Amino acid sequence: MKIARVIGSVTGAIKDGRLVGQKLLLVDIVDASGAVLNPSQVITDTCGAGVGDMVLLASGSAARISPETSGAPTDETAVMLVDEITVNNQLTYQANSG
């Protein structure tokens, strides 16, 4: 699993039929302190994430396990909105911390 920050969304009228109804987000893969490791990845979303949210990603076949993404052509799916990240007893991220 990976951590990512939502930076935008992706929409399109013409797409694979298995993407109809899917919410697609643009994210940066980040480390525990929020530093960008891999910019501008497109993912599917099953948890209602929005711009600025930190999410936990399932990758590969795990990204297609949920009923919402079963059979969809996706490699990564947001499966959780992150509330907090703590590393070595230090809080490095807290949702809605301003």
Protein backbone atom coordinates (compact mmCIF):
# COMPACT_ATOMS: atom_id res chain seq x y z
CA MET A 1 0.00 0.00 0.00
CA LYS A 2 1.04 3.58 -0.61
CA ILE A 3 0.17 7.01 0.75
CA ALA A 4 -0.92 9.74 -1.66
CA ARG A 5 -2.17 13.33 -1.57
CA VAL A 6 -5.08 14.23 -3.85
CA ILE A 7 -4.15 17.15 -6.12
CA GLY A 8 -7.03 17.09 -8.62
CA SER A 9 -9.49 15.03 -10.62
CA VAL A 10 -9.65 13.56 -14.11
CA THR A 11 -12.81 13.44 -16.24
CA GLY A 12 -13.60 12.30 -19.76
CA ALA A 13 -16.75 11.67 -21.78
CA ILE A 14 -15.33 8.86 -23.90
CA LYS A 15 -13.85 6.02 -21.82
CA ASP A 16 -13.78 2.29 -21.23
CA GLY A 17 -17.27 1.25 -20.16
CA ARG A 18 -15.91 -0.22 -16.93
CA LEU A 19 -14.85 3.29 -15.88
CA VAL A 20 -18.38 4.70 -16.20
CA GLY A 21 -19.39 5.86 -12.72
CA GLN A 22 -15.82 5.69 -11.41
CA LYS A 23 -14.38 8.78 -9.73
CA LEU A 24 -10.84 9.34 -11.02
CA LEU A 25 -8.39 11.39 -8.99
CA LEU A 26 -4.98 12.86 -9.72
CA VAL A 27 -2.60 12.19 -6.83
CA ASP A 28 1.03 12.54 -5.85
CA ILE A 29 2.50 9.48 -4.14
CA VAL A 30 4.16 10.80 -0.96
CA ASP A 31 6.26 9.60 1.95
CA ALA A 32 5.14 9.75 5.59
CA SER A 33 6.17 13.40 5.87
CA GLY A 34 4.33 14.42 2.70
CA ALA A 35 7.34 14.74 0.37
CA VAL A 36 6.44 13.79 -3.21
CA LEU A 37 7.96 10.50 -4.33
CA ASN A 38 6.03 9.96 -7.57
CA PRO A 39 4.00 12.84 -9.03
CA SER A 40 0.77 12.89 -11.02
CA GLN A 41 -0.74 9.40 -10.84
CA VAL A 42 -4.37 8.73 -11.82
CA ILE A 43 -6.31 6.47 -9.44
CA THR A 44 -9.88 5.35 -8.80
CA ASP A 45 -11.57 6.40 -5.56
CA THR A 46 -13.86 4.37 -3.31
CA CYS A 47 -13.81 6.58 -0.20
CA GLY A 48 -15.00 10.02 -1.35
CA ALA A 49 -11.62 11.76 -1.29
CA GLY A 50 -11.16 15.34 -2.44
CA VAL A 51 -8.36 17.76 -3.22
CA GLY A 52 -5.97 18.08 -0.28
CA ASP A 53 -6.93 14.77 1.30
CA MET A 54 -4.31 12.16 2.12
CA VAL A 55 -5.38 8.65 1.06
CA LEU A 56 -4.19 5.08 1.40
CA LEU A 57 -3.85 3.29 -1.95
CA ALA A 58 -4.35 -0.37 -2.78
CA SER A 59 -2.32 -1.42 -5.82
CA GLY A 60 -2.45 -4.12 -8.48
CA SER A 61 -5.13 -6.78 -8.13
CA ALA A 62 -5.99 -5.43 -4.65
CA ALA A 63 -7.14 -2.21 -6.37
CA ARG A 64 -9.89 -4.21 -8.09
CA ILE A 65 -11.21 -6.25 -5.16
CA SER A 66 -13.96 -3.90 -3.97
CA PRO A 67 -17.42 -4.13 -5.56
CA GLU A 68 -16.96 -0.60 -6.91
CA THR A 69 -13.78 -1.44 -8.83
CA SER A 70 -14.28 -5.11 -9.71
CA GLY A 71 -13.23 -5.56 -13.34
CA ALA A 72 -12.24 -1.91 -13.78
CA PRO A 73 -9.00 -1.15 -15.64
CA THR A 74 -7.24 0.40 -12.65
CA ASP A 75 -3.88 -0.20 -11.01
CA GLU A 76 -4.44 1.91 -7.89
CA THR A 77 -7.51 2.74 -5.80
CA ALA A 78 -7.98 5.04 -2.80
CA VAL A 79 -9.38 2.77 -0.10
CA MET A 80 -9.07 4.97 3.02
CA LEU A 81 -8.99 8.63 3.99
CA VAL A 82 -5.98 9.08 6.26
CA ASP A 83 -6.68 10.81 9.59
CA GLU A 84 -3.16 10.81 11.03
CA ILE A 85 0.35 9.59 10.28
CA THR A 86 2.79 9.09 13.14
CA VAL A 87 6.46 8.18 12.66
CA ASN A 88 8.71 7.44 15.65
CA ASN A 89 6.05 8.85 17.99
CA GLN A 90 5.99 12.13 16.02
CA LEU A 91 2.80 13.25 14.30
CA THR A 92 3.74 13.97 10.67
CA TYR A 93 0.23 14.44 9.26
CA GLN A 94 -3.18 15.22 10.69
CA ALA A 95 -6.29 15.68 8.56
CA ASN A 96 -7.94 19.10 8.78
CA SER A 97 -4.99 20.55 10.68
CA GLY A 98 -5.26 23.75 8.72
